[in-house]
Amino acid sequence: MKRLLNRLLPKYWRSTVVTIPVIRLHGTIMAGGGQFRPSLSLASTAGVIEKAFSFDAPAIAISINSPGGSPVQSRLIFKRIRDLAAEKNKRVLVFVEDVAASGGYMIAVAGDEIFADPSSIVGSIGVVSASFGFPELMKKIGVERRVHTAGQNKAVLDPFKPEKKDDVERLKALQLEVHETFIDLVKERRGTRLKDDPDLFTGLFWTGKRGLELGLVDALGDMRTVLKTRFGAKTQLRLVTAPRGLFGRFGLFGSKMGFSAPDIAAAAASGVIDAAEERALWARFGL
C-alpha cells in the first residue's frame, strides 16, 4: 500500500526514506522456556519473524547473539526465515554480535549475507551432549536406584548407573546423524564461499575476522553502518518486538491470574537449572 501511494504522489512528495525491520534473536535455543528464563524457539520467535516479513521493505535485518542449544529448534527457526524469504521475495541480512555458534550459527546461515564484528565468535559446527554421573555418590550415601522398564533400552544413560559402552555408542551414532544434517545445511547455504579447511566442521569456533577468511561470514561490519551504506543515509531501522506477555501486563507474580506460591517456587527452581545450563553454553566461548 505504501509503495502504491508513493507512485501516485508527485515525485517531489514521495518518501525517500527506507525502513528496514530488525529482529533480535538473542539467547540460548531450546524448546519451552518461560517467563523467568525466556529462550529462543520457533514458538517464541515465529510471530516476530512473520511480522518483520510483512513490512514493505527490500530486506530484513536479523541480529544474532546465541551460543546455540537445541538443533531441532535452530533448524525450525532457520526454515521459517527461509520459507518467508522465498514467499515474500525478501533479502535477509544477518548481523552477528558476540556469538553465533552451534545452533546460533545454524540460524545465521538463513541469511543471504552474514556480517560480523572482527571479535565476534562464529562456527562451532558440531553436536554435543553433556550430563553428570552419580553412581559412586549413590553408594556412598546408601541409596539404591530402582528402575523398572518395559523395553531393554528405556533407561539408557541413566545418570545414577554406571555408563555402558553400548549406550555411549548409540548416542554417538545419533550425534553423527544430527551433525551430518548440520554440515549439509551449512554447505547448501554457504556453497563455494566456504574454504577447504579440515577443521571447518570439527566443532571449532573462530573470531569474525578468521570466519571471514574461512567463508563462514561475508563481511565485517555493524548493522547500522551496513544498512545505511546499502540503502541510503536516511535509512531507518525498525525493531520488531513481540507483544508483552502476561507477566508484563499483570505484574511478576500474576496475582490477578491465580498463580500460587508453589507455582512461583517451582518456576523459580526450574529457572535456576535453566540458568546453569545457559551459563555453561555461554562459558564455552569465554563469555
C-alpha atoms as a PDB file:
ATOM      1  CA  MET A   1       0.000   0.000   0.000  1.00  0.00           C
ATOM      2  CA  LYS A   2       2.778   2.422   0.929  1.00  0.00           C
ATOM      3  CA  ARG A   3       4.564   1.675  -2.359  1.00  0.00           C
ATOM      4  CA  LEU A   4       1.329   2.281  -4.318  1.00  0.00           C
ATOM      5  CA  LEU A   5       0.719   5.624  -2.611  1.00  0.00           C
ATOM      6  CA  ASN A   6       4.282   6.691  -3.352  1.00  0.00           C
ATOM      7  CA  ARG A   7       3.749   6.022  -7.059  1.00  0.00           C
ATOM      8  CA  LEU A   8       0.539   8.082  -7.091  1.00  0.00           C
ATOM      9  CA  LEU A   9       2.107  11.101  -5.381  1.00  0.00           C
ATOM     10  CA  PRO A  10       4.141  13.720  -7.296  1.00  0.00           C
ATOM     11  CA  LYS A  11       7.838  12.805  -7.326  1.00  0.00           C
ATOM     12  CA  TYR A  12       8.854  15.675  -5.041  1.00  0.00           C
ATOM     13  CA  TRP A  13       6.325  14.478  -2.401  1.00  0.00           C
ATOM     14  CA  ARG A  14       7.380  10.855  -2.441  1.00  0.00           C
ATOM     15  CA  SER A  15       9.114   9.425   0.598  1.00  0.00           C
ATOM     16  CA  THR A  16      12.749   8.515   0.034  1.00  0.00           C
ATOM     17  CA  VAL A  17      13.201   7.006   3.495  1.00  0.00           C
ATOM     18  CA  VAL A  18      13.749   3.241   3.550  1.00  0.00           C
ATOM     19  CA  THR A  19      12.647   1.412   6.696  1.00  0.00           C
ATOM     20  CA  ILE A  20      14.347  -1.911   7.434  1.00  0.00           C
ATOM     21  CA  PRO A  21      12.692  -4.177  10.037  1.00  0.00           C
ATOM     22  CA  VAL A  22      15.123  -5.609  12.591  1.00  0.00           C
ATOM     23  CA  ILE A  23      14.711  -8.866  14.525  1.00  0.00           C
ATOM     24  CA  ARG A  24      16.814  -9.608  17.610  1.00  0.00           C
ATOM     25  CA  LEU A  25      17.413 -13.340  18.144  1.00  0.00           C
ATOM     26  CA  HIS A  26      19.382 -13.273  21.374  1.00  0.00           C
ATOM     27  CA  GLY A  27      19.746 -16.097  23.897  1.00  0.00           C
ATOM     28  CA  THR A  28      20.073 -19.850  24.133  1.00  0.00           C
ATOM     29  CA  ILE A  29      17.958 -22.057  21.880  1.00  0.00           C
ATOM     30  CA  MET A  30      15.619 -24.590  23.438  1.00  0.00           C
ATOM     31  CA  ALA A  31      12.035 -25.741  23.364  1.00  0.00           C
ATOM     32  CA  GLY A  32       9.755 -24.388  26.050  1.00  0.00           C
ATOM     33  CA  GLY A  33      11.279 -21.669  28.174  1.00  0.00           C
ATOM     34  CA  GLY A  34       9.219 -19.476  30.422  1.00  0.00           C
ATOM     35  CA  GLN A  35       8.665 -16.048  31.870  1.00  0.00           C
ATOM     36  CA  PHE A  36      11.626 -16.403  34.242  1.00  0.00           C
ATOM     37  CA  ARG A  37      14.151 -17.670  31.651  1.00  0.00           C
ATOM     38  CA  PRO A  38      12.865 -16.944  28.134  1.00  0.00           C
ATOM     39  CA  SER A  39      14.708 -18.736  25.340  1.00  0.00           C
ATOM     40  CA  LEU A  40      14.706 -18.939  21.564  1.00  0.00           C
ATOM     41  CA  SER A  41      12.397 -21.468  19.910  1.00  0.00           C
ATOM     42  CA  LEU A  42      10.093 -21.489  16.922  1.00  0.00           C
ATOM     43  CA  ALA A  43       7.150 -20.827  19.257  1.00  0.00           C
ATOM     44  CA  SER A  44       8.802 -17.762  20.805  1.00  0.00           C
ATOM     45  CA  THR A  45      10.117 -16.280  17.543  1.00  0.00           C
ATOM     46  CA  ALA A  46       7.599 -17.171  14.802  1.00  0.00           C
ATOM     47  CA  GLY A  47       5.332 -14.173  15.453  1.00  0.00           C
ATOM     48  CA  VAL A  48       8.177 -11.661  15.380  1.00  0.00           C
ATOM     49  CA  ILE A  49       9.688 -13.215  12.250  1.00  0.00           C
ATOM     50  CA  GLU A  50       6.383 -13.161  10.364  1.00  0.00           C
ATOM     51  CA  LYS A  51       5.694  -9.594  11.471  1.00  0.00           C
ATOM     52  CA  ALA A  52       9.072  -8.450  10.143  1.00  0.00           C
ATOM     53  CA  PHE A  53       8.447 -10.052   6.755  1.00  0.00           C
ATOM     54  CA  SER A  54       5.130  -8.205   6.483  1.00  0.00           C
ATOM     55  CA  PHE A  55       6.974  -4.862   6.166  1.00  0.00           C
ATOM     56  CA  ASP A  56       7.170  -3.166   2.783  1.00  0.00           C
ATOM     57  CA  ALA A  57      10.961  -3.267   2.818  1.00  0.00           C
ATOM     58  CA  PRO A  58      13.685  -4.510   0.457  1.00  0.00           C
ATOM     59  CA  ALA A  59      15.366  -6.573   3.174  1.00  0.00           C
ATOM     60  CA  ILE A  60      15.061  -7.995   6.675  1.00  0.00           C
ATOM     61  CA  ALA A  61      17.891  -7.493   9.190  1.00  0.00           C
ATOM     62  CA  ILE A  62      18.480 -10.096  11.896  1.00  0.00           C
ATOM     63  CA  SER A  63      20.744  -9.554  14.899  1.00  0.00           C
ATOM     64  CA  ILE A  64      22.008 -12.847  16.336  1.00  0.00           C
ATOM     65  CA  ASN A  65      23.675 -13.401  19.681  1.00  0.00           C
ATOM     66  CA  SER A  66      23.409 -17.063  20.637  1.00  0.00           C
ATOM     67  CA  PRO A  67      25.764 -19.835  21.814  1.00  0.00           C
ATOM     68  CA  GLY A  68      23.379 -22.471  20.455  1.00  0.00           C
ATOM     69  CA  GLY A  69      21.173 -25.106  22.056  1.00  0.00           C
ATOM     70  CA  SER A  70      18.534 -27.346  20.517  1.00  0.00           C
ATOM     71  CA  PRO A  71      19.419 -28.410  16.942  1.00  0.00           C
ATOM     72  CA  VAL A  72      15.730 -29.008  16.203  1.00  0.00           C
ATOM     73  CA  GLN A  73      14.585 -25.547  17.279  1.00  0.00           C
ATOM     74  CA  SER A  74      17.573 -23.993  15.491  1.00  0.00           C
ATOM     75  CA  ARG A  75      16.622 -25.651  12.223  1.00  0.00           C
ATOM     76  CA  LEU A  76      12.924 -24.801  12.646  1.00  0.00           C
ATOM     77  CA  ILE A  77      13.783 -21.114  13.096  1.00  0.00           C
ATOM     78  CA  PHE A  78      16.158 -21.295  10.124  1.00  0.00           C
ATOM     79  CA  LYS A  79      13.469 -22.880   7.955  1.00  0.00           C
ATOM     80  CA  ARG A  80      10.791 -20.359   8.925  1.00  0.00           C
ATOM     81  CA  ILE A  81      13.108 -17.496   7.938  1.00  0.00           C
ATOM     82  CA  ARG A  82      13.993 -19.103   4.601  1.00  0.00           C
ATOM     83  CA  ASP A  83      10.377 -20.032   3.808  1.00  0.00           C
ATOM     84  CA  LEU A  84       9.215 -16.451   4.367  1.00  0.00           C
ATOM     85  CA  ALA A  85      12.180 -15.011   2.468  1.00  0.00           C
ATOM     86  CA  ALA A  86      11.187 -17.088  -0.570  1.00  0.00           C
ATOM     87  CA  GLU A  87       7.471 -16.377  -0.167  1.00  0.00           C
ATOM     88  CA  LYS A  88       7.901 -12.598   0.242  1.00  0.00           C
ATOM     89  CA  ASN A  89      10.911 -12.309  -2.066  1.00  0.00           C
ATOM     90  CA  LYS A  90      12.945 -10.541   0.629  1.00  0.00           C
ATOM     91  CA  ARG A  91      16.682 -10.497   1.160  1.00  0.00           C
ATOM     92  CA  VAL A  92      17.868 -11.499   4.630  1.00  0.00           C
ATOM     93  CA  LEU A  93      20.897  -9.799   6.168  1.00  0.00           C
ATOM     94  CA  VAL A  94      22.279 -11.343   9.362  1.00  0.00           C
ATOM     95  CA  PHE A  95      24.481  -9.467  11.833  1.00  0.00           C
ATOM     96  CA  VAL A  96      26.424 -11.394  14.484  1.00  0.00           C
ATOM     97  CA  GLU A  97      27.024  -9.672  17.799  1.00  0.00           C
ATOM     98  CA  ASP A  98      29.062 -11.517  20.462  1.00  0.00           C
ATOM     99  CA  VAL A  99      28.488 -15.040  19.190  1.00  0.00           C
ATOM    100  CA  ALA A 100      26.657 -17.107  16.581  1.00  0.00           C
ATOM    101  CA  ALA A 101      27.879 -20.586  17.380  1.00  0.00           C
ATOM    102  CA  SER A 102      26.474 -24.082  17.008  1.00  0.00           C
ATOM    103  CA  GLY A 103      22.677 -23.639  16.732  1.00  0.00           C
ATOM    104  CA  GLY A 104      23.218 -19.885  16.654  1.00  0.00           C
ATOM    105  CA  TYR A 105      25.294 -20.284  13.516  1.00  0.00           C
ATOM    106  CA  MET A 106      22.694 -22.644  12.047  1.00  0.00           C
ATOM    107  CA  ILE A 107      20.176 -19.796  12.295  1.00  0.00           C
ATOM    108  CA  ALA A 108      22.754 -17.329  10.931  1.00  0.00           C
ATOM    109  CA  VAL A 109      23.104 -19.235   7.652  1.00  0.00           C
ATOM    110  CA  ALA A 110      19.466 -18.363   6.941  1.00  0.00           C
ATOM    111  CA  GLY A 111      20.933 -15.018   5.887  1.00  0.00           C
ATOM    112  CA  ASP A 112      21.731 -14.286   2.264  1.00  0.00           C
ATOM    113  CA  GLU A 113      24.681 -12.403   3.725  1.00  0.00           C
ATOM    114  CA  ILE A 114      26.297 -12.690   7.157  1.00  0.00           C
ATOM    115  CA  PHE A 115      28.141  -9.784   8.788  1.00  0.00           C
ATOM    116  CA  ALA A 116      30.180  -9.993  11.981  1.00  0.00           C
ATOM    117  CA  ASP A 117      32.376  -7.892  14.216  1.00  0.00           C
ATOM    118  CA  PRO A 118      36.085  -8.793  13.965  1.00  0.00           C
ATOM    119  CA  SER A 119      35.867 -10.079  17.563  1.00  0.00           C
ATOM    120  CA  SER A 120      32.586 -11.972  17.195  1.00  0.00           C
ATOM    121  CA  ILE A 121      32.651 -15.751  17.713  1.00  0.00           C
ATOM    122  CA  VAL A 122      31.320 -17.890  14.848  1.00  0.00           C
ATOM    123  CA  GLY A 123      31.275 -21.563  13.936  1.00  0.00           C
ATOM    124  CA  SER A 124      31.198 -24.491  16.371  1.00  0.00           C
ATOM    125  CA  ILE A 125      29.591 -26.659  13.689  1.00  0.00           C
ATOM    126  CA  GLY A 126      29.165 -29.792  15.760  1.00  0.00           C
ATOM    127  CA  VAL A 127      26.924 -31.584  18.238  1.00  0.00           C
ATOM    128  CA  VAL A 128      27.474 -32.003  21.970  1.00  0.00           C
ATOM    129  CA  SER A 129      25.647 -33.818  24.756  1.00  0.00           C
ATOM    130  CA  ALA A 130      26.607 -33.228  28.385  1.00  0.00           C
ATOM    131  CA  SER A 131      25.432 -34.762  31.644  1.00  0.00           C
ATOM    132  CA  PHE A 132      26.633 -35.936  35.062  1.00  0.00           C
ATOM    133  CA  GLY A 133      27.041 -39.375  36.582  1.00  0.00           C
ATOM    134  CA  PHE A 134      26.309 -40.162  40.249  1.00  0.00           C
ATOM    135  CA  PRO A 135      26.746 -43.967  40.779  1.00  0.00           C
ATOM    136  CA  GLU A 136      29.528 -43.638  43.387  1.00  0.00           C
ATOM    137  CA  LEU A 137      27.640 -40.927  45.253  1.00  0.00           C
ATOM    138  CA  MET A 138      24.591 -43.203  45.445  1.00  0.00           C
ATOM    139  CA  LYS A 139      26.709 -45.939  47.006  1.00  0.00           C
ATOM    140  CA  LYS A 140      28.312 -43.531  49.434  1.00  0.00           C
ATOM    141  CA  ILE A 141      25.055 -42.194  50.814  1.00  0.00           C
ATOM    142  CA  GLY A 142      23.428 -45.612  50.841  1.00  0.00           C
ATOM    143  CA  VAL A 143      20.709 -45.027  48.284  1.00  0.00           C
ATOM    144  CA  GLU A 144      19.603 -47.811  45.947  1.00  0.00           C
ATOM    145  CA  ARG A 145      18.409 -46.880  42.472  1.00  0.00           C
ATOM    146  CA  ARG A 146      15.354 -48.905  41.324  1.00  0.00           C
ATOM    147  CA  VAL A 147      14.285 -48.644  37.693  1.00  0.00           C
ATOM    148  CA  HIS A 148      11.718 -50.932  36.047  1.00  0.00           C
ATOM    149  CA  THR A 149      11.179 -50.738  32.300  1.00  0.00           C
ATOM    150  CA  ALA A 150       9.289 -52.426  29.506  1.00  0.00           C
ATOM    151  CA  GLY A 151      11.930 -52.344  26.791  1.00  0.00           C
ATOM    152  CA  GLN A 152      15.598 -53.014  27.411  1.00  0.00           C
ATOM    153  CA  ASN A 153      16.741 -49.587  26.187  1.00  0.00           C
ATOM    154  CA  LYS A 154      14.288 -47.378  28.084  1.00  0.00           C
ATOM    155  CA  ALA A 155      16.845 -46.439  30.750  1.00  0.00           C
ATOM    156  CA  VAL A 156      19.928 -45.783  28.659  1.00  0.00           C
ATOM    157  CA  LEU A 157      22.465 -43.307  30.056  1.00  0.00           C
ATOM    158  CA  ASP A 158      20.801 -43.232  33.466  1.00  0.00           C
ATOM    159  CA  PRO A 159      22.994 -40.787  35.462  1.00  0.00           C
ATOM    160  CA  PHE A 160      22.608 -42.892  38.596  1.00  0.00           C
ATOM    161  CA  LYS A 161      24.020 -46.041  36.975  1.00  0.00           C
ATOM    162  CA  PRO A 162      27.487 -46.800  35.572  1.00  0.00           C
ATOM    163  CA  GLU A 163      27.886 -45.775  31.932  1.00  0.00           C
ATOM    164  CA  LYS A 164      27.593 -48.587  29.381  1.00  0.00           C
ATOM    165  CA  LYS A 165      29.703 -48.793  26.225  1.00  0.00           C
ATOM    166  CA  ASP A 166      26.717 -49.725  24.035  1.00  0.00           C
ATOM    167  CA  ASP A 167      24.709 -46.742  25.309  1.00  0.00           C
ATOM    168  CA  VAL A 168      27.554 -44.325  24.530  1.00  0.00           C
ATOM    169  CA  GLU A 169      27.999 -45.780  21.027  1.00  0.00           C
ATOM    170  CA  ARG A 170      24.274 -45.391  20.372  1.00  0.00           C
ATOM    171  CA  LEU A 171      24.387 -41.768  21.497  1.00  0.00           C
ATOM    172  CA  LYS A 172      27.415 -41.036  19.299  1.00  0.00           C
ATOM    173  CA  ALA A 173      25.677 -42.585  16.274  1.00  0.00           C
ATOM    174  CA  LEU A 174      22.715 -40.290  16.862  1.00  0.00           C
ATOM    175  CA  GLN A 175      25.040 -37.289  17.209  1.00  0.00           C
ATOM    176  CA  LEU A 176      26.718 -38.141  13.895  1.00  0.00           C
ATOM    177  CA  GLU A 177      23.362 -38.064  12.101  1.00  0.00           C
ATOM    178  CA  VAL A 178      22.500 -34.661  13.580  1.00  0.00           C
ATOM    179  CA  HIS A 179      25.998 -33.407  12.730  1.00  0.00           C
ATOM    180  CA  GLU A 180      25.625 -34.530   9.096  1.00  0.00           C
ATOM    181  CA  THR A 181      22.329 -32.617   8.840  1.00  0.00           C
ATOM    182  CA  PHE A 182      24.070 -29.502  10.197  1.00  0.00           C
ATOM    183  CA  ILE A 183      27.003 -29.856   7.775  1.00  0.00           C
ATOM    184  CA  ASP A 184      24.706 -30.363   4.781  1.00  0.00           C
ATOM    185  CA  LEU A 185      22.711 -27.255   5.697  1.00  0.00           C
ATOM    186  CA  VAL A 186      25.845 -25.087   6.005  1.00  0.00           C
ATOM    187  CA  LYS A 187      27.246 -26.386   2.710  1.00  0.00           C
ATOM    188  CA  GLU A 188      23.925 -25.770   0.953  1.00  0.00           C
ATOM    189  CA  ARG A 189      23.683 -22.184   2.183  1.00  0.00           C
ATOM    190  CA  ARG A 190      27.343 -21.121   2.044  1.00  0.00           C
ATOM    191  CA  GLY A 191      28.326 -23.096  -1.052  1.00  0.00           C
ATOM    192  CA  THR A 192      31.563 -22.083  -2.733  1.00  0.00           C
ATOM    193  CA  ARG A 193      32.126 -19.308  -0.209  1.00  0.00           C
ATOM    194  CA  LEU A 194      33.389 -21.951   2.239  1.00  0.00           C
ATOM    195  CA  LYS A 195      37.114 -22.577   2.213  1.00  0.00           C
ATOM    196  CA  ASP A 196      38.524 -26.108   2.131  1.00  0.00           C
ATOM    197  CA  ASP A 197      39.721 -26.326   5.720  1.00  0.00           C
ATOM    198  CA  PRO A 198      39.916 -29.669   7.583  1.00  0.00           C
ATOM    199  CA  ASP A 199      38.813 -28.054  10.848  1.00  0.00           C
ATOM    200  CA  LEU A 200      35.698 -26.378   9.443  1.00  0.00           C
ATOM    201  CA  PHE A 201      33.195 -28.995  10.633  1.00  0.00           C
ATOM    202  CA  THR A 202      35.016 -30.292  13.718  1.00  0.00           C
ATOM    203  CA  GLY A 203      33.189 -28.099  16.217  1.00  0.00           C
ATOM    204  CA  LEU A 204      35.939 -25.491  16.434  1.00  0.00           C
ATOM    205  CA  PHE A 205      34.989 -21.828  16.514  1.00  0.00           C
ATOM    206  CA  TRP A 206      36.727 -18.670  15.353  1.00  0.00           C
ATOM    207  CA  THR A 207      36.658 -14.892  15.537  1.00  0.00           C
ATOM    208  CA  GLY A 208      34.656 -12.986  12.955  1.00  0.00           C
ATOM    209  CA  LYS A 209      37.917 -11.977  11.270  1.00  0.00           C
ATOM    210  CA  ARG A 210      39.010 -15.593  10.825  1.00  0.00           C
ATOM    211  CA  GLY A 211      35.429 -16.581   9.984  1.00  0.00           C
ATOM    212  CA  LEU A 212      35.598 -14.190   7.037  1.00  0.00           C
ATOM    213  CA  GLU A 213      38.726 -15.941   5.749  1.00  0.00           C
ATOM    214  CA  LEU A 214      37.023 -19.343   6.099  1.00  0.00           C
ATOM    215  CA  GLY A 215      33.853 -18.199   4.332  1.00  0.00           C
ATOM    216  CA  LEU A 216      31.649 -18.511   7.408  1.00  0.00           C
ATOM    217  CA  VAL A 217      30.746 -14.813   7.128  1.00  0.00           C
ATOM    218  CA  ASP A 218      30.652 -12.457   4.140  1.00  0.00           C
ATOM    219  CA  ALA A 219      31.976  -9.222   5.599  1.00  0.00           C
ATOM    220  CA  LEU A 220      32.915  -7.413   8.790  1.00  0.00           C
ATOM    221  CA  GLY A 221      30.668  -4.573   9.896  1.00  0.00           C
ATOM    222  CA  ASP A 222      27.874  -3.386  12.161  1.00  0.00           C
ATOM    223  CA  MET A 223      24.192  -3.265  11.287  1.00  0.00           C
ATOM    224  CA  ARG A 224      23.643   0.490  11.237  1.00  0.00           C
ATOM    225  CA  THR A 225      26.651   1.238   9.053  1.00  0.00           C
ATOM    226  CA  VAL A 226      25.987  -1.574   6.599  1.00  0.00           C
ATOM    227  CA  LEU A 227      22.292  -0.773   6.166  1.00  0.00           C
ATOM    228  CA  LYS A 228      22.800   2.970   5.737  1.00  0.00           C
ATOM    229  CA  THR A 229      25.603   2.376   3.252  1.00  0.00           C
ATOM    230  CA  ARG A 230      23.481  -0.023   1.240  1.00  0.00           C
ATOM    231  CA  PHE A 231      20.056   1.667   1.360  1.00  0.00           C
ATOM    232  CA  GLY A 232      20.948   5.330   1.901  1.00  0.00           C
ATOM    233  CA  ALA A 233      21.816   7.705   4.718  1.00  0.00           C
ATOM    234  CA  LYS A 234      18.130   8.233   5.558  1.00  0.00           C
ATOM    235  CA  THR A 235      17.527   4.530   6.163  1.00  0.00           C
ATOM    236  CA  GLN A 236      15.599   3.864   9.361  1.00  0.00           C
ATOM    237  CA  LEU A 237      15.935   0.708  11.456  1.00  0.00           C
ATOM    238  CA  ARG A 238      12.651  -0.504  12.983  1.00  0.00           C
ATOM    239  CA  LEU A 239      12.983  -3.031  15.801  1.00  0.00           C
ATOM    240  CA  VAL A 240      10.228  -5.641  15.633  1.00  0.00           C
ATOM    241  CA  THR A 241       9.210  -6.978  19.050  1.00  0.00           C
ATOM    242  CA  ALA A 242       6.696  -9.467  20.399  1.00  0.00           C
ATOM    243  CA  PRO A 243       3.643  -8.329  22.384  1.00  0.00           C
ATOM    244  CA  ARG A 244       4.154  -8.124  26.141  1.00  0.00           C
ATOM    245  CA  GLY A 245       3.341 -11.360  27.935  1.00  0.00           C
ATOM    246  CA  LEU A 246       1.029 -11.978  30.871  1.00  0.00           C
ATOM    247  CA  PHE A 247       3.706 -11.233  33.455  1.00  0.00           C
ATOM    248  CA  GLY A 248       4.374  -7.872  31.800  1.00  0.00           C
ATOM    249  CA  ARG A 249       0.693  -6.931  31.933  1.00  0.00           C
ATOM    250  CA  PHE A 250      -0.258  -8.187  35.373  1.00  0.00           C
ATOM    251  CA  GLY A 251       2.970  -7.955  37.340  1.00  0.00           C
ATOM    252  CA  LEU A 252       5.646 -10.545  38.077  1.00  0.00           C
ATOM    253  CA  PHE A 253       3.537 -12.662  40.392  1.00  0.00           C
ATOM    254  CA  GLY A 254       0.359 -12.502  38.366  1.00  0.00           C
ATOM    255  CA  SER A 255      -1.986 -12.117  41.333  1.00  0.00           C
ATOM    256  CA  LYS A 256      -4.913 -11.447  39.007  1.00  0.00           C
ATOM    257  CA  MET A 257      -4.219 -14.661  37.108  1.00  0.00           C
ATOM    258  CA  GLY A 258      -4.356 -17.007  40.086  1.00  0.00           C
ATOM    259  CA  PHE A 259      -0.716 -18.121  40.232  1.00  0.00           C
ATOM    260  CA  SER A 260       0.032 -19.769  43.579  1.00  0.00           C
ATOM    261  CA  ALA A 261       3.186 -19.603  45.684  1.00  0.00           C
ATOM    262  CA  PRO A 262       4.102 -23.251  44.811  1.00  0.00           C
ATOM    263  CA  ASP A 263       3.743 -22.406  41.107  1.00  0.00           C
ATOM    264  CA  ILE A 264       6.125 -19.498  41.505  1.00  0.00           C
ATOM    265  CA  ALA A 265       8.590 -21.557  43.586  1.00  0.00           C
ATOM    266  CA  ALA A 266       8.599 -24.353  41.007  1.00  0.00           C
ATOM    267  CA  ALA A 267       9.164 -21.888  38.186  1.00  0.00           C
ATOM    268  CA  ALA A 268      11.992 -20.252  40.127  1.00  0.00           C
ATOM    269  CA  ALA A 269      13.668 -23.629  40.798  1.00  0.00           C
ATOM    270  CA  SER A 270      13.388 -24.543  37.139  1.00  0.00           C
ATOM    271  CA  GLY A 271      14.830 -21.149  36.278  1.00  0.00           C
ATOM    272  CA  VAL A 272      17.923 -21.856  38.403  1.00  0.00           C
ATOM    273  CA  ILE A 273      18.589 -25.059  36.439  1.00  0.00           C
ATOM    274  CA  ASP A 274      17.983 -23.340  33.128  1.00  0.00           C
ATOM    275  CA  ALA A 275      20.309 -20.513  34.164  1.00  0.00           C
ATOM    276  CA  ALA A 276      23.090 -23.004  34.978  1.00  0.00           C
ATOM    277  CA  GLU A 277      22.706 -24.698  31.587  1.00  0.00           C
ATOM    278  CA  GLU A 278      22.626 -21.341  29.827  1.00  0.00           C
ATOM    279  CA  ARG A 279      25.717 -20.159  31.709  1.00  0.00           C
ATOM    280  CA  ALA A 280      27.575 -23.305  30.617  1.00  0.00           C
ATOM    281  CA  LEU A 281      26.703 -22.705  26.960  1.00  0.00           C
ATOM    282  CA  TRP A 282      27.965 -19.116  27.008  1.00  0.00           C
ATOM    283  CA  ALA A 283      31.062 -20.069  29.021  1.00  0.00           C
ATOM    284  CA  ARG A 284      32.255 -22.404  26.244  1.00  0.00           C
ATOM    285  CA  PHE A 285      33.023 -19.287  24.215  1.00  0.00           C
ATOM    286  CA  GLY A 286      34.619 -17.286  27.027  1.00  0.00           C
ATOM    287  CA  LEU A 287      31.524 -15.123  27.520  1.00  0.00           C
END
